[in-house]
Amino acid sequence: MQAHESSTLERIAFRCHIDPLKGCLVWGGTTGGVRGGNYGKIKAKCPTDYHSKTYYVHRVVYQFHFDVILDNNQQIPHLCQNCLCCNPYHLVLEPFVVNNARMRKNKKKRVRQPCCSINKHKNS
């Protein structure tokens, strides 16, 4: 692990707390996103960067944890449906069309039966 990876991951860990019901690692720092999204954001220097940039936290965690380099077209959706979650095991790499189809399916499912897709318990 390179020095910039260690310090970035330490900063992320410092700003997170664990949701004991869902197992989410919930970001407590800066948020923002496109179309009013509430995604965690952090300024970091990733392996492919020369200078620091602002990234979504879940993408940084996924990239470091699974040792992959993501491009801007790759989707990293939250299987737990929590935009602030950065637990790498709640994240998956999938194409845009698959992500959108799953989101539509989950939206319909949530109306009929609200439950967490990870731990199968009722959402509060």
Foldseek 3Di string as FASTA:
>chain_A
DDPQLVVVVVVQQVQWDADVVQRFGFGRDDFDDPPGDGFAKDFGADPVHPHTDIDGLLVSLLCVVVVHDDDPQWDWDFLQPDRRGNPNVRTDTDGPVVVVVVVVVVVVVCVVAAAGPRPGHHDD
